[in-house]
PDB file of N, CA and C in Angstrom:
ATOM      1  N   UNK A   1       0.853  -1.168   0.000  1.00  0.00           N
ATOM      2  CA  UNK A   1       0.000   0.000   0.000  1.00  0.00           C
ATOM      3  C   UNK A   1       0.903   1.236   0.000  1.00  0.00           C
ATOM      4  N   UNK A   2       0.585   2.164  -0.914  1.00  0.00           N
ATOM      5  CA  UNK A   2       1.370   3.394  -1.029  1.00  0.00           C
ATOM      6  C   UNK A   2       0.450   4.599  -1.181  1.00  0.00           C
ATOM      7  N   UNK A   3       1.032   5.768  -1.041  1.00  0.00           N
ATOM      8  CA  UNK A   3       0.290   7.007  -1.209  1.00  0.00           C
ATOM      9  C   UNK A   3      -0.348   7.037  -2.608  1.00  0.00           C
ATOM     10  N   UNK A   4      -1.624   7.380  -2.668  1.00  0.00           N
ATOM     11  CA  UNK A   4      -2.340   7.462  -3.930  1.00  0.00           C
ATOM     12  C   UNK A   4      -3.070   6.188  -4.329  1.00  0.00           C
ATOM     13  N   UNK A   5      -2.805   5.062  -3.643  1.00  0.00           N
ATOM     14  CA  UNK A   5      -3.497   3.809  -3.953  1.00  0.00           C
ATOM     15  C   UNK A   5      -4.957   3.869  -3.519  1.00  0.00           C
ATOM     16  N   UNK A   6      -5.817   3.217  -4.276  1.00  0.00           N
ATOM     17  CA  UNK A   6      -7.203   3.024  -3.855  1.00  0.00           C
ATOM     18  C   UNK A   6      -7.269   1.752  -3.037  1.00  0.00           C
ATOM     19  N   UNK A   7      -7.938   1.819  -1.894  1.00  0.00           N
ATOM     20  CA  UNK A   7      -8.097   0.665  -1.013  1.00  0.00           C
ATOM     21  C   UNK A   7      -9.569   0.516  -0.656  1.00  0.00           C
ATOM     22  N   UNK A   8      -9.932  -0.679  -0.212  1.00  0.00           N
ATOM     23  CA  UNK A   8     -11.285  -0.920   0.283  1.00  0.00           C
ATOM     24  C   UNK A   8     -11.183  -1.521   1.674  1.00  0.00           C
ATOM     25  N   UNK A   9     -12.203  -1.313   2.460  1.00  0.00           N
ATOM     26  CA  UNK A   9     -12.241  -1.914   3.787  1.00  0.00           C
ATOM     27  C   UNK A   9     -12.687  -3.361   3.633  1.00  0.00           C
ATOM     28  N   UNK A  10     -12.000  -4.271   4.296  1.00  0.00           N
ATOM     29  CA  UNK A  10     -12.318  -5.690   4.200  1.00  0.00           C
ATOM     30  C   UNK A  10     -13.354  -6.117   5.218  1.00  0.00           C
ATOM     31  N   UNK A  11     -13.580  -5.287   6.214  1.00  0.00           N
ATOM     32  CA  UNK A  11     -14.565  -5.581   7.266  1.00  0.00           C
ATOM     33  C   UNK A  11     -15.077  -4.266   7.820  1.00  0.00           C
ATOM     34  N   UNK A  12     -16.217  -4.286   8.503  1.00  0.00           N
ATOM     35  CA  UNK A  12     -16.670  -3.044   9.137  1.00  0.00           C
ATOM     36  C   UNK A  12     -15.647  -2.596  10.186  1.00  0.00           C
ATOM     37  N   UNK A  13     -15.325  -1.326  10.190  1.00  0.00           N
ATOM     38  CA  UNK A  13     -14.325  -0.792  11.115  1.00  0.00           C
ATOM     39  C   UNK A  13     -14.634   0.671  11.396  1.00  0.00           C
ATOM     40  N   UNK A  14     -13.861   1.271  12.259  1.00  0.00           N
ATOM     41  CA  UNK A  14     -13.997   2.695  12.560  1.00  0.00           C
ATOM     42  C   UNK A  14     -12.771   3.449  12.063  1.00  0.00           C
ATOM     43  N   UNK A  15     -13.016   4.617  11.477  1.00  0.00           N
ATOM     44  CA  UNK A  15     -11.950   5.550  11.172  1.00  0.00           C
ATOM     45  C   UNK A  15     -11.919   6.580  12.296  1.00  0.00           C
ATOM     46  N   UNK A  16     -10.779   7.185  12.524  1.00  0.00           N
ATOM     47  CA  UNK A  16     -10.631   8.160  13.602  1.00  0.00           C
ATOM     48  C   UNK A  16     -10.192   9.495  13.014  1.00  0.00           C
ATOM     49  N   UNK A  17     -10.770  10.568  13.529  1.00  0.00           N
ATOM     50  CA  UNK A  17     -10.386  11.918  13.118  1.00  0.00           C
ATOM     51  C   UNK A  17     -10.532  12.845  14.315  1.00  0.00           C
ATOM     52  N   UNK A  18      -9.814  13.967  14.317  1.00  0.00           N
ATOM     53  CA  UNK A  18      -9.952  14.924  15.421  1.00  0.00           C
ATOM     54  C   UNK A  18     -11.339  15.573  15.401  1.00  0.00           C
ATOM     55  N   UNK A  19     -11.839  15.894  16.584  1.00  0.00           N
ATOM     56  CA  UNK A  19     -13.126  16.599  16.686  1.00  0.00           C
ATOM     57  C   UNK A  19     -12.960  18.048  16.233  1.00  0.00           C
ATOM     58  N   UNK A  20     -14.001  18.573  15.610  1.00  0.00           N
ATOM     59  CA  UNK A  20     -14.005  19.994  15.281  1.00  0.00           C
ATOM     60  C   UNK A  20     -14.387  20.784  16.530  1.00  0.00           C
ATOM     61  N   UNK A  21     -14.191  22.070  16.488  1.00  0.00           N
ATOM     62  CA  UNK A  21     -14.540  22.903  17.638  1.00  0.00           C
ATOM     63  C   UNK A  21     -16.042  22.824  17.931  1.00  0.00           C
ATOM     64  N   UNK A  22     -16.872  22.831  16.885  1.00  0.00           N
ATOM     65  CA  UNK A  22     -18.319  22.755  17.068  1.00  0.00           C
ATOM     66  C   UNK A  22     -18.723  21.424  17.701  1.00  0.00           C
ATOM     67  N   UNK A  23     -18.089  20.318  17.278  1.00  0.00           N
ATOM     68  CA  UNK A  23     -18.398  19.006  17.869  1.00  0.00           C
ATOM     69  C   UNK A  23     -17.979  18.954  19.333  1.00  0.00           C
ATOM     70  N   UNK A  24     -16.837  19.560  19.641  1.00  0.00           N
ATOM     71  CA  UNK A  24     -16.365  19.592  21.017  1.00  0.00           C
ATOM     72  C   UNK A  24     -17.324  20.383  21.906  1.00  0.00           C
ATOM     73  N   UNK A  25     -17.746  21.550  21.443  1.00  0.00           N
ATOM     74  CA  UNK A  25     -18.692  22.359  22.221  1.00  0.00           C
ATOM     75  C   UNK A  25     -20.024  21.638  22.388  1.00  0.00           C
ATOM     76  N   UNK A  26     -20.491  20.969  21.335  1.00  0.00           N
ATOM     77  CA  UNK A  26     -21.743  20.210  21.423  1.00  0.00           C
ATOM     78  C   UNK A  26     -21.603  19.062  22.423  1.00  0.00           C
ATOM     79  N   UNK A  27     -20.438  18.412  22.460  1.00  0.00           N
ATOM     80  CA  UNK A  27     -20.212  17.315  23.388  1.00  0.00           C
ATOM     81  C   UNK A  27     -20.305  17.813  24.826  1.00  0.00           C
ATOM     82  N   UNK A  28     -19.630  18.920  25.119  1.00  0.00           N
ATOM     83  CA  UNK A  28     -19.665  19.460  26.474  1.00  0.00           C
ATOM     84  C   UNK A  28     -21.071  19.942  26.844  1.00  0.00           C
ATOM     85  N   UNK A  29     -21.779  20.560  25.907  1.00  0.00           N
ATOM     86  CA  UNK A  29     -23.144  21.006  26.176  1.00  0.00           C
ATOM     87  C   UNK A  29     -24.029  19.819  26.500  1.00  0.00           C
ATOM     88  N   UNK A  30     -23.916  18.748  25.712  1.00  0.00           N
ATOM     89  CA  UNK A  30     -24.716  17.546  25.938  1.00  0.00           C
ATOM     90  C   UNK A  30     -24.348  16.888  27.265  1.00  0.00           C
ATOM     91  N   UNK A  31     -23.061  16.788  27.574  1.00  0.00           N
ATOM     92  CA  UNK A  31     -22.615  16.181  28.823  1.00  0.00           C
ATOM     93  C   UNK A  31     -23.118  16.984  30.017  1.00  0.00           C
ATOM     94  N   UNK A  32     -23.077  18.305  29.916  1.00  0.00           N
ATOM     95  CA  UNK A  32     -23.499  19.147  31.030  1.00  0.00           C
ATOM     96  C   UNK A  32     -25.004  19.059  31.253  1.00  0.00           C
ATOM     97  N   UNK A  33     -25.802  19.085  30.180  1.00  0.00           N
ATOM     98  CA  UNK A  33     -27.251  19.067  30.346  1.00  0.00           C
ATOM     99  C   UNK A  33     -27.765  17.707  30.773  1.00  0.00           C
ATOM    100  N   UNK A  34     -27.086  16.621  30.370  1.00  0.00           N
ATOM    101  CA  UNK A  34     -27.578  15.288  30.727  1.00  0.00           C
ATOM    102  C   UNK A  34     -27.039  14.783  32.058  1.00  0.00           C
ATOM    103  N   UNK A  35     -25.771  15.037  32.362  1.00  0.00           N
ATOM    104  CA  UNK A  35     -25.173  14.458  33.555  1.00  0.00           C
ATOM    105  C   UNK A  35     -24.620  15.482  34.527  1.00  0.00           C
ATOM    106  N   UNK A  36     -24.532  16.697  34.146  1.00  0.00           N
ATOM    107  CA  UNK A  36     -23.853  17.670  34.982  1.00  0.00           C
ATOM    108  C   UNK A  36     -22.385  17.712  34.630  1.00  0.00           C
ATOM    109  N   UNK A  37     -21.626  18.630  35.236  1.00  0.00           N
ATOM    110  CA  UNK A  37     -20.214  18.781  34.865  1.00  0.00           C
ATOM    111  C   UNK A  37     -19.300  17.692  35.424  1.00  0.00           C
ATOM    112  N   UNK A  38     -19.833  16.789  36.273  1.00  0.00           N
ATOM    113  CA  UNK A  38     -19.006  15.752  36.894  1.00  0.00           C
ATOM    114  C   UNK A  38     -19.685  14.396  36.787  1.00  0.00           C
ATOM    115  N   UNK A  39     -18.890  13.335  36.783  1.00  0.00           N
ATOM    116  CA  UNK A  39     -19.460  11.989  36.775  1.00  0.00           C
ATOM    117  C   UNK A  39     -19.738  11.544  38.206  1.00  0.00           C
ATOM    118  N   UNK A  40     -20.140  10.281  38.388  1.00  0.00           N
ATOM    119  CA  UNK A  40     -20.525   9.802  39.711  1.00  0.00           C
ATOM    120  C   UNK A  40     -19.351   9.756  40.694  1.00  0.00           C
ATOM    121  N   UNK A  41     -18.114   9.759  40.194  1.00  0.00           N
ATOM    122  CA  UNK A  41     -16.938   9.746  41.067  1.00  0.00           C
ATOM    123  C   UNK A  41     -16.460  11.156  41.396  1.00  0.00           C
ATOM    124  N   UNK A  42     -17.164  12.177  40.876  1.00  0.00           N
ATOM    125  CA  UNK A  42     -16.776  13.550  41.141  1.00  0.00           C
ATOM    126  C   UNK A  42     -15.725  14.085  40.200  1.00  0.00           C
ATOM    127  N   UNK A  43     -15.375  13.298  39.161  1.00  0.00           N
ATOM    128  CA  UNK A  43     -14.383  13.758  38.192  1.00  0.00           C
ATOM    129  C   UNK A  43     -15.084  14.508  37.067  1.00  0.00           C
ATOM    130  N   UNK A  44     -14.417  15.551  36.579  1.00  0.00           N
ATOM    131  CA  UNK A  44     -15.029  16.343  35.520  1.00  0.00           C
ATOM    132  C   UNK A  44     -15.026  15.563  34.211  1.00  0.00           C
ATOM    133  N   UNK A  45     -16.040  15.813  33.389  1.00  0.00           N
ATOM    134  CA  UNK A  45     -16.143  15.161  32.087  1.00  0.00           C
ATOM    135  C   UNK A  45     -15.162  15.812  31.122  1.00  0.00           C
ATOM    136  N   UNK A  46     -14.327  15.003  30.506  1.00  0.00           N
ATOM    137  CA  UNK A  46     -13.384  15.484  29.509  1.00  0.00           C
ATOM    138  C   UNK A  46     -13.416  14.487  28.358  1.00  0.00           C
ATOM    139  N   UNK A  47     -13.596  14.972  27.146  1.00  0.00           N
ATOM    140  CA  UNK A  47     -13.578  14.059  26.000  1.00  0.00           C
ATOM    141  C   UNK A  47     -12.159  13.892  25.486  1.00  0.00           C
ATOM    142  N   UNK A  48     -11.950  12.859  24.684  1.00  0.00           N
ATOM    143  CA  UNK A  48     -10.607  12.554  24.194  1.00  0.00           C
ATOM    144  C   UNK A  48     -10.208  13.410  23.002  1.00  0.00           C
ATOM    145  N   UNK A  49     -11.153  14.094  22.379  1.00  0.00           N
ATOM    146  CA  UNK A  49     -10.848  14.926  21.225  1.00  0.00           C
ATOM    147  C   UNK A  49     -10.833  14.164  19.917  1.00  0.00           C
ATOM    148  N   UNK A  50     -11.249  12.897  19.944  1.00  0.00           N
ATOM    149  CA  UNK A  50     -11.240  12.045  18.758  1.00  0.00           C
ATOM    150  C   UNK A  50     -12.666  11.623  18.437  1.00  0.00           C
ATOM    151  N   UNK A  51     -13.007  11.682  17.162  1.00  0.00           N
ATOM    152  CA  UNK A  51     -14.329  11.273  16.696  1.00  0.00           C
ATOM    153  C   UNK A  51     -14.189   9.965  15.937  1.00  0.00           C
ATOM    154  N   UNK A  52     -15.005   8.971  16.262  1.00  0.00           N
ATOM    155  CA  UNK A  52     -15.016   7.707  15.533  1.00  0.00           C
ATOM    156  C   UNK A  52     -16.015   7.806  14.393  1.00  0.00           C
ATOM    157  N   UNK A  53     -15.591   7.376  13.207  1.00  0.00           N
ATOM    158  CA  UNK A  53     -16.442   7.398  12.020  1.00  0.00           C
ATOM    159  C   UNK A  53     -16.620   5.950  11.562  1.00  0.00           C
ATOM    160  N   UNK A  54     -17.830   5.392  11.639  1.00  0.00           N
ATOM    161  CA  UNK A  54     -18.009   4.002  11.214  1.00  0.00           C
ATOM    162  C   UNK A  54     -17.865   3.864   9.698  1.00  0.00           C
ATOM    163  N   UNK A  55     -17.171   2.818   9.282  1.00  0.00           N
ATOM    164  CA  UNK A  55     -16.979   2.512   7.863  1.00  0.00           C
ATOM    165  C   UNK A  55     -17.496   1.103   7.596  1.00  0.00           C
ATOM    166  N   UNK A  56     -18.340   0.965   6.595  1.00  0.00           N
ATOM    167  CA  UNK A  56     -18.878  -0.350   6.229  1.00  0.00           C
ATOM    168  C   UNK A  56     -17.842  -1.132   5.433  1.00  0.00           C
ATOM    169  N   UNK A  57     -17.991  -2.436   5.398  1.00  0.00           N
ATOM    170  CA  UNK A  57     -17.114  -3.270   4.575  1.00  0.00           C
ATOM    171  C   UNK A  57     -17.318  -2.909   3.112  1.00  0.00           C
ATOM    172  N   UNK A  58     -16.229  -2.804   2.365  1.00  0.00           N
ATOM    173  CA  UNK A  58     -16.308  -2.480   0.951  1.00  0.00           C
ATOM    174  C   UNK A  58     -16.251  -0.995   0.635  1.00  0.00           C
ATOM    175  N   UNK A  59     -16.019  -0.160   1.629  1.00  0.00           N
ATOM    176  CA  UNK A  59     -15.906   1.285   1.405  1.00  0.00           C
ATOM    177  C   UNK A  59     -14.597   1.588   0.689  1.00  0.00           C
ATOM    178  N   UNK A  60     -14.665   2.350  -0.399  1.00  0.00           N
ATOM    179  CA  UNK A  60     -13.454   2.706  -1.135  1.00  0.00           C
ATOM    180  C   UNK A  60     -12.856   3.992  -0.587  1.00  0.00           C
ATOM    181  N   UNK A  61     -11.538   3.981  -0.404  1.00  0.00           N
ATOM    182  CA  UNK A  61     -10.806   5.111   0.144  1.00  0.00           C
ATOM    183  C   UNK A  61      -9.499   5.281  -0.633  1.00  0.00           C
ATOM    184  N   UNK A  62      -8.900   6.465  -0.555  1.00  0.00           N
ATOM    185  CA  UNK A  62      -7.604   6.707  -1.176  1.00  0.00           C
ATOM    186  C   UNK A  62      -6.574   6.989  -0.083  1.00  0.00           C
ATOM    187  N   UNK A  63      -5.404   6.391  -0.212  1.00  0.00           N
ATOM    188  CA  UNK A  63      -4.348   6.491   0.800  1.00  0.00           C
ATOM    189  C   UNK A  63      -3.648   7.840   0.695  1.00  0.00           C
ATOM    190  N   UNK A  64      -3.527   8.518   1.832  1.00  0.00           N
ATOM    191  CA  UNK A  64      -2.739   9.744   1.939  1.00  0.00           C
ATOM    192  C   UNK A  64      -1.362   9.414   2.515  1.00  0.00           C
ATOM    193  N   UNK A  65      -1.358   8.634   3.605  1.00  0.00           N
ATOM    194  CA  UNK A  65      -0.118   8.140   4.229  1.00  0.00           C
ATOM    195  C   UNK A  65      -0.320   6.664   4.522  1.00  0.00           C
ATOM    196  N   UNK A  66       0.584   5.830   4.072  1.00  0.00           N
ATOM    197  CA  UNK A  66       0.421   4.390   4.225  1.00  0.00           C
ATOM    198  C   UNK A  66       0.739   3.902   5.636  1.00  0.00           C
ATOM    199  N   UNK A  67       1.615   4.581   6.340  1.00  0.00           N
ATOM    200  CA  UNK A  67       1.995   4.142   7.687  1.00  0.00           C
ATOM    201  C   UNK A  67       1.985   5.338   8.635  1.00  0.00           C
ATOM    202  N   UNK A  68       1.156   5.233   9.660  1.00  0.00           N
ATOM    203  CA  UNK A  68       1.101   6.290  10.670  1.00  0.00           C
ATOM    204  C   UNK A  68       0.506   5.716  11.941  1.00  0.00           C
ATOM    205  N   UNK A  69       0.527   6.498  12.978  1.00  0.00           N
ATOM    206  CA  UNK A  69      -0.147   6.120  14.219  1.00  0.00           C
ATOM    207  C   UNK A  69      -1.375   6.999  14.365  1.00  0.00           C
ATOM    208  N   UNK A  70      -2.340   6.502  15.124  1.00  0.00           N
ATOM    209  CA  UNK A  70      -3.589   7.237  15.298  1.00  0.00           C
ATOM    210  C   UNK A  70      -3.879   7.418  16.776  1.00  0.00           C
ATOM    211  N   UNK A  71      -4.452   8.537  17.094  1.00  0.00           N
ATOM    212  CA  UNK A  71      -4.896   8.770  18.464  1.00  0.00           C
ATOM    213  C   UNK A  71      -6.278   8.164  18.592  1.00  0.00           C
ATOM    214  N   UNK A  72      -6.395   7.132  19.393  1.00  0.00           N
ATOM    215  CA  UNK A  72      -7.672   6.471  19.629  1.00  0.00           C
ATOM    216  C   UNK A  72      -7.963   6.586  21.114  1.00  0.00           C
ATOM    217  N   UNK A  73      -8.794   7.501  21.472  1.00  0.00           N
ATOM    218  CA  UNK A  73      -9.026   7.740  22.885  1.00  0.00           C
ATOM    219  C   UNK A  73      -7.918   8.613  23.435  1.00  0.00           C
ATOM    220  N   UNK A  74      -7.179   8.095  24.428  1.00  0.00           N
ATOM    221  CA  UNK A  74      -6.172   8.898  25.108  1.00  0.00           C
ATOM    222  C   UNK A  74      -4.743   8.562  24.722  1.00  0.00           C
ATOM    223  N   UNK A  75      -4.521   7.607  23.807  1.00  0.00           N
ATOM    224  CA  UNK A  75      -3.136   7.249  23.477  1.00  0.00           C
ATOM    225  C   UNK A  75      -2.956   7.086  21.968  1.00  0.00           C
ATOM    226  N   UNK A  76      -1.695   7.117  21.544  1.00  0.00           N
ATOM    227  CA  UNK A  76      -1.332   6.917  20.138  1.00  0.00           C
ATOM    228  C   UNK A  76      -1.109   5.425  19.905  1.00  0.00           C
ATOM    229  N   UNK A  77      -1.678   4.904  18.829  1.00  0.00           N
ATOM    230  CA  UNK A  77      -1.506   3.493  18.494  1.00  0.00           C
ATOM    231  C   UNK A  77      -0.936   3.361  17.083  1.00  0.00           C
ATOM    232  N   UNK A  78       0.056   2.482  16.904  1.00  0.00           N
ATOM    233  CA  UNK A  78       0.616   2.267  15.569  1.00  0.00           C
ATOM    234  C   UNK A  78      -0.274   1.343  14.748  1.00  0.00           C
ATOM    235  N   UNK A  79       0.063   1.192  13.466  1.00  0.00           N
ATOM    236  CA  UNK A  79      -0.646   0.239  12.622  1.00  0.00           C
ATOM    237  C   UNK A  79      -1.810   0.834  11.851  1.00  0.00           C
ATOM    238  N   UNK A  80      -1.768   2.126  11.584  1.00  0.00           N
ATOM    239  CA  UNK A  80      -2.860   2.803  10.888  1.00  0.00           C
ATOM    240  C   UNK A  80      -2.382   3.381   9.560  1.00  0.00           C
ATOM    241  N   UNK A  81      -3.334   3.664   8.695  1.00  0.00           N
ATOM    242  CA  UNK A  81      -3.071   4.372   7.444  1.00  0.00           C
ATOM    243  C   UNK A  81      -3.989   5.581   7.409  1.00  0.00           C
ATOM    244  N   UNK A  82      -3.482   6.684   6.888  1.00  0.00           N
ATOM    245  CA  UNK A  82      -4.320   7.873   6.740  1.00  0.00           C
ATOM    246  C   UNK A  82      -4.934   7.834   5.344  1.00  0.00           C
ATOM    247  N   UNK A  83      -6.250   7.904   5.300  1.00  0.00           N
ATOM    248  CA  UNK A  83      -6.987   7.786   4.041  1.00  0.00           C
ATOM    249  C   UNK A  83      -7.994   8.918   3.926  1.00  0.00           C
ATOM    250  N   UNK A  84      -8.525   9.090   2.731  1.00  0.00           N
ATOM    251  CA  UNK A  84      -9.568  10.072   2.500  1.00  0.00           C
ATOM    252  C   UNK A  84     -10.675   9.373   1.716  1.00  0.00           C
ATOM    253  N   UNK A  85     -11.919   9.645   2.083  1.00  0.00           N
ATOM    254  CA  UNK A  85     -13.062   9.039   1.411  1.00  0.00           C
ATOM    255  C   UNK A  85     -13.695   9.992   0.418  1.00  0.00           C
ATOM    256  N   UNK A  86     -14.911   9.672   0.010  1.00  0.00           N
ATOM    257  CA  UNK A  86     -15.627  10.479  -0.972  1.00  0.00           C
ATOM    258  C   UNK A  86     -15.962  11.863  -0.436  1.00  0.00           C
ATOM    259  N   UNK A  87     -16.125  11.992   0.891  1.00  0.00           N
ATOM    260  CA  UNK A  87     -16.473  13.289   1.480  1.00  0.00           C
ATOM    261  C   UNK A  87     -15.263  14.208   1.632  1.00  0.00           C
ATOM    262  N   UNK A  88     -14.048  13.694   1.449  1.00  0.00           N
ATOM    263  CA  UNK A  88     -12.840  14.509   1.506  1.00  0.00           C
ATOM    264  C   UNK A  88     -12.266  14.714   2.882  1.00  0.00           C
ATOM    265  N   UNK A  89     -12.808  14.049   3.897  1.00  0.00           N
ATOM    266  CA  UNK A  89     -12.312  14.199   5.263  1.00  0.00           C
ATOM    267  C   UNK A  89     -11.243  13.137   5.528  1.00  0.00           C
ATOM    268  N   UNK A  90     -10.040  13.534   5.945  1.00  0.00           N
ATOM    269  CA  UNK A  90      -8.995  12.540   6.243  1.00  0.00           C
ATOM    270  C   UNK A  90      -9.344  11.735   7.490  1.00  0.00           C
ATOM    271  N   UNK A  91      -9.140  10.425   7.407  1.00  0.00           N
ATOM    272  CA  UNK A  91      -9.384   9.509   8.521  1.00  0.00           C
ATOM    273  C   UNK A  91      -8.168   8.631   8.711  1.00  0.00           C
ATOM    274  N   UNK A  92      -7.992   8.136   9.906  1.00  0.00           N
ATOM    275  CA  UNK A  92      -6.962   7.143  10.171  1.00  0.00           C
ATOM    276  C   UNK A  92      -7.677   5.825  10.428  1.00  0.00           C
ATOM    277  N   UNK A  93      -7.322   4.814   9.619  1.00  0.00           N
ATOM    278  CA  UNK A  93      -8.003   3.516   9.629  1.00  0.00           C
ATOM    279  C   UNK A  93      -6.956   2.434   9.863  1.00  0.00           C
ATOM    280  N   UNK A  94      -7.291   1.378  10.624  1.00  0.00           N
ATOM    281  CA  UNK A  94      -6.316   0.286  10.819  1.00  0.00           C
ATOM    282  C   UNK A  94      -5.906  -0.340   9.481  1.00  0.00           C
ATOM    283  N   UNK A  95      -4.604  -0.513   9.279  1.00  0.00           N
ATOM    284  CA  UNK A  95      -4.133  -1.114   8.018  1.00  0.00           C
ATOM    285  C   UNK A  95      -4.637  -2.534   7.873  1.00  0.00           C
ATOM    286  N   UNK A  96      -4.846  -3.247   8.977  1.00  0.00           N
ATOM    287  CA  UNK A  96      -5.314  -4.639   8.917  1.00  0.00           C
ATOM    288  C   UNK A  96      -6.713  -4.729   8.301  1.00  0.00           C
ATOM    289  N   UNK A  97      -7.461  -3.637   8.296  1.00  0.00           N
ATOM    290  CA  UNK A  97      -8.825  -3.645   7.763  1.00  0.00           C
ATOM    291  C   UNK A  97      -8.870  -3.146   6.321  1.00  0.00           C
ATOM    292  N   UNK A  98      -7.716  -2.923   5.684  1.00  0.00           N
ATOM    293  CA  UNK A  98      -7.661  -2.389   4.326  1.00  0.00           C
ATOM    294  C   UNK A  98      -7.011  -3.377   3.368  1.00  0.00           C
ATOM    295  N   UNK A  99      -7.483  -3.357   2.122  1.00  0.00           N
ATOM    296  CA  UNK A  99      -6.892  -4.158   1.045  1.00  0.00           C
ATOM    297  C   UNK A  99      -6.883  -3.314  -0.216  1.00  0.00           C
ATOM    298  N   UNK A 100      -5.919  -3.554  -1.085  1.00  0.00           N
ATOM    299  CA  UNK A 100      -5.858  -2.824  -2.349  1.00  0.00           C
ATOM    300  C   UNK A 100      -7.101  -3.088  -3.181  1.00  0.00           C
ATOM    301  N   UNK A 101      -7.609  -2.038  -3.807  1.00  0.00           N
ATOM    302  CA  UNK A 101      -8.822  -2.181  -4.618  1.00  0.00           C
ATOM    303  C   UNK A 101      -8.489  -2.709  -6.000  1.00  0.00           C
TER     304      UNK A 101
END
């Protein structure tokens, strides 16, 4: 797999991308109105800043970077490829879930 290759997802998986400012504000607004500013342990609600995007099996994507790490939750994980779909939004998807088209 190289930059510019077309790939397809071999199984349903999630792509990861950073949250936009509007999504972050909406998350905090929703968390505050539904649960309050703290969870049951008294800790403040903080999101990871990453949005999961579900991808169906057979989704066609184009590779931007063949090897990279992705922030999934609170840590960086290796084994990802940066791809772009039909909507033009860059996502990081596990390489194990991709095959050349």
